[in-house]
N, C-alpha and C. Protein backbone atom coordinates (compact mmCIF):
# COMPACT_ATOMS: atom_id res chain seq x y z
N MET A 1 1.15 -1.42 -0.20
CA MET A 1 0.01 0.29 -0.24
C MET A 1 1.08 0.79 0.25
N SER A 2 0.65 2.24 -1.30
CA SER A 2 1.21 3.52 -0.81
C SER A 2 0.41 4.47 -0.66
N PHE A 3 1.03 5.40 -0.09
CA PHE A 3 0.24 6.65 1.10
C PHE A 3 1.30 8.10 0.43
N THR A 4 0.29 8.92 -0.13
CA THR A 4 1.33 10.00 -0.21
C THR A 4 0.48 11.14 0.59
N ARG A 5 1.01 11.65 1.36
CA ARG A 5 0.58 12.49 2.73
C ARG A 5 1.57 13.94 2.78
N LYS A 6 1.23 14.69 1.81
CA LYS A 6 2.22 16.38 1.13
C LYS A 6 3.40 15.93 0.83
N ALA A 7 4.14 15.52 1.67
CA ALA A 7 5.77 16.22 1.85
C ALA A 7 5.84 14.64 2.38
N LEU A 8 4.91 13.67 2.77
CA LEU A 8 5.19 12.43 3.43
C LEU A 8 5.18 10.95 2.43
N GLN A 9 5.58 10.39 1.78
CA GLN A 9 4.84 9.25 1.05
C GLN A 9 6.29 8.37 1.58
N PHE A 10 5.15 7.01 1.63
CA PHE A 10 5.87 5.51 2.22
C PHE A 10 4.61 4.41 1.50
N THR A 11 5.64 3.31 1.64
CA THR A 11 4.61 2.33 1.39
C THR A 11 4.57 1.77 2.85
N SER A 12 3.19 0.62 2.84
CA SER A 12 3.38 0.47 4.57
C SER A 12 2.93 -1.10 3.37
N PRO A 13 3.64 -2.43 4.90
CA PRO A 13 3.00 -3.59 4.29
C PRO A 13 1.86 -3.45 5.13
N GLU A 14 0.68 -4.83 5.33
CA GLU A 14 -0.29 -5.00 5.45
C GLU A 14 -0.30 -5.72 6.91
N TYR A 15 -1.00 -5.44 7.42
CA TYR A 15 -1.74 -6.09 9.03
C TYR A 15 -2.46 -6.88 8.82
N VAL A 16 -2.79 -8.21 9.22
CA VAL A 16 -3.76 -8.96 8.63
C VAL A 16 -4.03 -9.45 10.16
N MET A 17 -5.13 -9.54 10.11
CA MET A 17 -5.75 -10.20 11.52
C MET A 17 -7.27 -10.26 11.24
N GLY A 18 -6.90 -12.09 11.43
CA GLY A 18 -8.29 -12.48 10.66
C GLY A 18 -8.13 -12.24 9.57
N SER A 19 -9.98 -12.40 9.40
CA SER A 19 -9.68 -11.47 7.41
C SER A 19 -9.62 -10.04 7.30
N GLU A 20 -9.05 -9.67 8.58
CA GLU A 20 -8.84 -8.32 8.19
C GLU A 20 -7.41 -7.90 7.86
N LYS A 21 -7.60 -6.74 6.80
CA LYS A 21 -6.60 -6.06 6.50
C LYS A 21 -6.20 -5.00 6.32
N ILE A 22 -5.42 -4.33 7.54
CA ILE A 22 -5.34 -2.67 7.55
C ILE A 22 -3.95 -2.48 7.38
N PRO A 23 -3.76 -0.93 6.68
CA PRO A 23 -1.59 -0.99 6.75
C PRO A 23 -1.06 -1.23 8.36
N ALA A 24 -0.31 -1.70 8.73
CA ALA A 24 0.41 -1.55 9.43
C ALA A 24 1.35 -0.22 10.34
N LEU A 25 1.52 0.47 9.16
CA LEU A 25 1.88 1.61 9.32
C LEU A 25 0.98 2.70 9.06
N ASN A 26 1.25 4.13 9.62
CA ASN A 26 0.52 5.04 9.94
C ASN A 26 1.63 6.28 10.74
N ALA A 27 0.84 6.93 9.66
CA ALA A 27 2.33 8.46 9.61
C ALA A 27 1.40 9.85 9.51
N SER A 28 2.61 10.79 9.94
CA SER A 28 1.49 11.69 9.64
C SER A 28 2.40 12.78 9.69
N ALA A 29 2.74 13.99 9.39
CA ALA A 29 3.75 15.12 9.25
C ALA A 29 3.09 16.86 9.32
N SER A 30 3.98 17.25 10.40
CA SER A 30 3.21 18.96 9.81
C SER A 30 4.77 19.43 10.95
N ARG A 31 4.33 21.07 10.75
CA ARG A 31 4.84 22.10 10.43
C ARG A 31 4.54 23.22 11.66
N SER A 32 5.56 23.02 12.33
CA SER A 32 5.22 24.43 13.19
C SER A 32 5.44 25.71 12.66
N LYS A 33 5.19 26.93 14.00
CA LYS A 33 4.70 27.84 12.86
C LYS A 33 6.04 28.64 12.98
N ASN A 34 7.02 28.05 14.05
CA ASN A 34 8.38 28.44 13.56
C ASN A 34 9.61 27.92 12.87
N GLY A 35 8.55 26.46 11.87
CA GLY A 35 9.31 26.23 10.89
C GLY A 35 9.94 24.48 11.26
N MET A 36 9.90 24.52 13.00
CA MET A 36 10.14 23.08 13.11
C MET A 36 9.41 22.41 12.40
N VAL A 37 10.02 20.81 12.23
CA VAL A 37 9.12 19.46 11.54
C VAL A 37 8.80 18.68 12.28
N PHE A 38 7.74 17.51 12.55
CA PHE A 38 7.65 16.91 13.77
C PHE A 38 6.70 16.08 12.66
N ILE A 39 7.17 14.14 12.89
CA ILE A 39 6.65 13.29 12.02
C ILE A 39 6.07 12.30 13.34
N SER A 40 4.80 11.79 12.94
CA SER A 40 4.39 10.83 13.68
C SER A 40 3.96 9.52 13.40
N LEU A 41 4.66 8.49 13.87
CA LEU A 41 4.05 6.82 13.21
C LEU A 41 3.36 6.46 14.17
N VAL A 42 2.63 5.11 13.97
CA VAL A 42 2.42 4.46 14.56
C VAL A 42 3.01 2.90 13.39
N ASN A 43 3.36 1.94 14.41
CA ASN A 43 3.21 0.52 14.06
C ASN A 43 2.06 -0.15 14.82
N LEU A 44 1.30 -0.84 14.12
CA LEU A 44 -0.21 -1.54 14.56
C LEU A 44 0.29 -2.75 14.45
N ASP A 45 1.21 -3.49 13.65
CA ASP A 45 1.38 -5.01 14.18
C ASP A 45 2.06 -5.36 15.55
N THR A 46 1.49 -6.11 15.72
CA THR A 46 1.94 -6.21 17.56
C THR A 46 2.34 -7.54 17.26
N LYS A 47 3.21 -8.02 16.27
CA LYS A 47 4.79 -8.64 16.52
C LYS A 47 5.49 -8.51 16.14
N LYS A 48 5.87 -7.55 14.91
CA LYS A 48 7.09 -7.11 13.86
C LYS A 48 7.10 -6.11 13.63
N SER A 49 8.65 -5.96 13.54
CA SER A 49 9.12 -4.44 13.94
C SER A 49 8.76 -4.06 11.91
N GLN A 50 8.70 -2.60 11.56
CA GLN A 50 8.84 -2.49 10.16
C GLN A 50 9.61 -1.23 10.60
N LYS A 51 9.75 -1.24 9.42
CA LYS A 51 10.70 -0.21 8.46
C LYS A 51 10.50 0.83 7.63
N LEU A 52 10.37 2.18 7.44
CA LEU A 52 9.99 2.99 6.94
C LEU A 52 10.96 4.03 6.26
N GLU A 53 11.45 4.24 5.11
CA GLU A 53 12.15 5.58 4.56
C GLU A 53 11.45 6.32 4.08
N THR A 54 11.41 7.25 3.43
CA THR A 54 11.01 8.64 2.86
C THR A 54 11.97 9.44 2.51
N ALA A 55 11.48 9.98 1.49
CA ALA A 55 12.50 11.35 1.22
C ALA A 55 11.04 12.27 1.98
N LEU A 56 11.52 13.87 2.14
CA LEU A 56 10.75 14.87 2.56
C LEU A 56 10.93 15.75 2.02
N ALA A 57 9.77 15.76 1.16
CA ALA A 57 9.62 17.03 -0.42
C ALA A 57 9.57 18.19 0.92
N GLY A 58 10.70 19.36 0.17
CA GLY A 58 10.46 20.55 0.48
C GLY A 58 11.01 20.56 1.93
N VAL A 59 11.82 19.74 2.65
CA VAL A 59 12.31 19.82 3.96
C VAL A 59 13.41 20.29 3.70
N SER A 60 14.58 21.09 4.57
CA SER A 60 15.84 21.07 4.60
C SER A 60 16.08 20.48 5.89
N TRP A 61 16.50 19.25 6.37
CA TRP A 61 16.82 19.44 7.93
C TRP A 61 18.42 18.45 7.52
N LYS A 62 18.64 18.52 8.96
CA LYS A 62 20.52 18.11 8.81
C LYS A 62 20.08 16.98 10.29
N SER A 63 18.93 16.65 11.33
CA SER A 63 19.14 15.84 12.11
C SER A 63 17.89 15.82 12.81
N VAL A 64 17.65 14.49 13.30
CA VAL A 64 16.50 13.05 13.58
C VAL A 64 16.57 13.13 15.67
N SER A 65 15.76 13.82 16.01
CA SER A 65 15.61 13.37 18.07
C SER A 65 14.15 12.73 17.48
N GLY A 66 13.94 11.69 18.42
CA GLY A 66 12.06 11.06 18.47
C GLY A 66 12.29 11.38 20.65
N LEU A 67 10.48 10.44 20.33
CA LEU A 67 10.40 9.93 21.84
C LEU A 67 9.33 9.03 21.37
N THR A 68 9.07 7.79 22.70
CA THR A 68 8.16 7.07 21.84
C THR A 68 6.95 6.85 23.05
N LEU A 69 5.98 6.51 23.46
CA LEU A 69 5.69 5.59 24.53
C LEU A 69 5.82 4.22 24.08
N THR A 70 6.29 4.02 26.27
CA THR A 70 6.30 2.66 26.33
C THR A 70 5.38 2.07 27.52
N SER A 71 5.43 1.29 27.54
CA SER A 71 4.96 0.45 28.61
C SER A 71 5.18 -0.88 29.09
N PRO A 72 4.92 -2.28 29.56
CA PRO A 72 5.51 -3.05 29.52
C PRO A 72 4.32 -3.91 28.75
N LYS A 73 3.28 -3.88 29.01
CA LYS A 73 2.01 -4.47 28.02
C LYS A 73 1.71 -3.97 26.91
N PHE A 74 0.68 -3.89 26.06
CA PHE A 74 0.26 -3.32 24.66
C PHE A 74 -0.68 -2.73 25.48
N ASN A 75 -1.80 -2.88 26.60
CA ASN A 75 -2.86 -2.65 26.89
C ASN A 75 -2.58 -2.04 28.39
N ALA A 76 -1.72 -2.02 28.51
CA ALA A 76 -1.10 -1.03 30.33
C ALA A 76 -2.05 0.56 29.97
N TYR A 77 -1.92 1.29 30.89
CA TYR A 77 -2.69 2.15 31.24
C TYR A 77 -2.08 2.73 32.54
N ASN A 78 -2.00 4.40 32.71
CA ASN A 78 -1.10 4.82 33.88
C ASN A 78 -2.77 5.07 34.96
N LYS A 79 -2.16 5.01 36.19
CA LYS A 79 -3.31 5.21 37.63
C LYS A 79 -2.78 6.24 37.88
N PHE A 80 -3.67 6.45 39.09
CA PHE A 80 -3.01 7.80 40.35
C PHE A 80 -2.61 6.79 40.85
N ASP A 81 -2.25 5.64 40.93
CA ASP A 81 -1.58 5.03 42.19
C ASP A 81 0.20 4.44 41.71
N LYS A 82 -0.35 4.81 39.95
CA LYS A 82 0.61 4.04 39.03
C LYS A 82 0.84 5.39 37.68
N PRO A 83 1.54 6.12 38.16
CA PRO A 83 1.28 7.10 36.72
C PRO A 83 2.20 7.09 35.92
N ASN A 84 3.29 6.33 36.37
CA ASN A 84 4.18 5.91 34.85
C ASN A 84 4.48 4.64 34.36
N THR A 85 2.98 4.42 34.58
CA THR A 85 3.61 2.59 33.19
C THR A 85 3.30 2.74 32.10
N VAL A 86 2.53 3.85 31.59
CA VAL A 86 3.08 4.48 30.18
C VAL A 86 4.01 5.61 30.48
N LYS A 87 4.88 5.77 29.73
CA LYS A 87 5.42 6.77 29.85
C LYS A 87 6.34 7.28 29.20
N LEU A 88 7.07 8.23 28.22
CA LEU A 88 7.22 8.95 27.15
C LEU A 88 9.25 8.42 27.21
N ALA A 89 9.48 7.92 26.27
CA ALA A 89 11.34 7.15 25.99
C ALA A 89 11.87 7.90 25.31
N SER A 90 13.57 8.14 25.42
CA SER A 90 14.12 8.21 24.20
C SER A 90 14.13 7.35 22.98
N PHE A 91 13.72 7.98 21.95
CA PHE A 91 13.72 6.54 20.58
C PHE A 91 15.03 6.97 19.74
N SER A 92 15.47 6.31 19.17
CA SER A 92 16.68 6.25 18.23
C SER A 92 16.76 5.40 17.37
N GLY A 93 15.40 5.28 16.67
CA GLY A 93 15.48 3.55 15.87
C GLY A 93 15.40 4.79 14.63
N ALA A 94 15.69 6.46 14.34
CA ALA A 94 15.26 7.56 13.02
C ALA A 94 17.22 8.06 12.73
N LYS A 95 17.10 7.77 11.18
CA LYS A 95 18.36 8.21 10.95
C LYS A 95 18.43 9.03 9.49
N LYS A 96 19.03 9.85 9.30
CA LYS A 96 19.31 10.35 8.33
C LYS A 96 20.21 9.53 7.61
N ARG A 97 19.20 9.19 5.96
CA ARG A 97 20.68 8.79 5.05
C ARG A 97 20.31 9.09 3.70
N GLY A 98 21.67 10.00 3.23
CA GLY A 98 21.22 10.43 2.65
C GLY A 98 20.12 11.78 2.58
N ASP A 99 19.06 11.97 1.58
CA ASP A 99 18.64 12.92 1.99
C ASP A 99 16.77 12.35 2.05
N LYS A 100 17.65 11.60 2.72
CA LYS A 100 15.24 10.39 2.65
C LYS A 100 16.20 10.41 4.71
N LEU A 101 14.25 10.31 5.62
CA LEU A 101 14.73 9.74 6.70
C LEU A 101 14.78 8.05 6.79
N ALA A 102 15.04 7.38 7.84
CA ALA A 102 15.30 5.98 8.12
C ALA A 102 14.64 5.69 8.85
N VAL A 103 13.30 4.85 9.42
CA VAL A 103 13.17 4.56 10.51
C VAL A 103 12.68 3.32 10.96
N GLU A 104 13.31 2.54 12.21
CA GLU A 104 12.68 0.80 12.10
C GLU A 104 11.88 1.03 13.52
N LEU A 105 10.16 0.71 13.19
CA LEU A 105 9.51 1.23 14.14
C LEU A 105 9.41 0.00 15.15
N SER A 106 9.62 -0.66 16.29
CA SER A 106 9.02 -1.77 17.01
C SER A 106 7.17 -2.06 17.02
N PRO A 107 7.19 -3.64 17.34
CA PRO A 107 5.95 -3.60 17.22
C PRO A 107 4.96 -2.66 18.49
N GLN A 108 4.43 -2.53 18.20
CA GLN A 108 3.08 -2.12 18.17
C GLN A 108 3.95 -0.43 19.27
N SER A 109 4.36 0.04 18.02
CA SER A 109 4.64 1.18 18.81
C SER A 109 4.31 2.84 18.35
N VAL A 110 4.80 3.75 18.90
CA VAL A 110 4.22 4.88 18.97
C VAL A 110 5.28 6.03 18.92
N VAL A 111 5.35 6.80 17.75
CA VAL A 111 6.96 7.69 17.90
C VAL A 111 6.26 8.75 17.43
N VAL A 112 7.30 10.23 18.12
CA VAL A 112 7.12 11.32 17.20
C VAL A 112 8.73 11.80 16.83
N LEU A 113 8.81 12.41 16.03
CA LEU A 113 10.06 12.27 15.73
C LEU A 113 10.10 14.62 15.30
N GLU A 114 11.18 14.90 16.17
CA GLU A 114 11.66 16.12 15.26
C GLU A 114 12.62 16.39 14.89
N LEU A 115 12.30 17.18 13.11
CA LEU A 115 13.24 17.68 12.48
C LEU A 115 14.22 18.18 12.94
N LYS A 116 15.71 18.76 12.90
CA LYS A 116 16.42 19.67 12.94
C LYS A 116 16.55 20.36 11.08
N GLU A 117 16.22 21.25 11.36
CA GLU A 117 16.30 22.35 9.94
C GLU A 117 17.74 22.45 9.61
N GLN A 118 18.40 22.59 8.26
CA GLN A 118 19.66 22.87 8.24
C GLN A 118 19.92 24.65 8.88
N GLU A 119 20.69 25.49 8.94
CA GLU A 119 21.11 26.28 9.65
C GLU A 119 21.61 27.22 8.35
């Protein structure tokens, strides 16, 4: 399956559960008022890591950093007496490869990347 969302283009494998099929990867990109570029990525596959590589049309950047949501189980949640069951952690699975963004997402993961623009 191929997707185009303004400057973000990628191909996603299918995630199959029973007779249902959906794209395993979902992504969106946004630019803040001050020019920062953020990319949100979700890997819906509960068992397989997924790789995504994309060129970002119209975006000049030199480095990437990210955060991911982590928890011991996919259905975990925070409670008043356990507020850090689901928490943010540093994400290091994204790299600049030439003019492309290359990302490896763990199974059932949610990641937000921040691209640092050229100076």
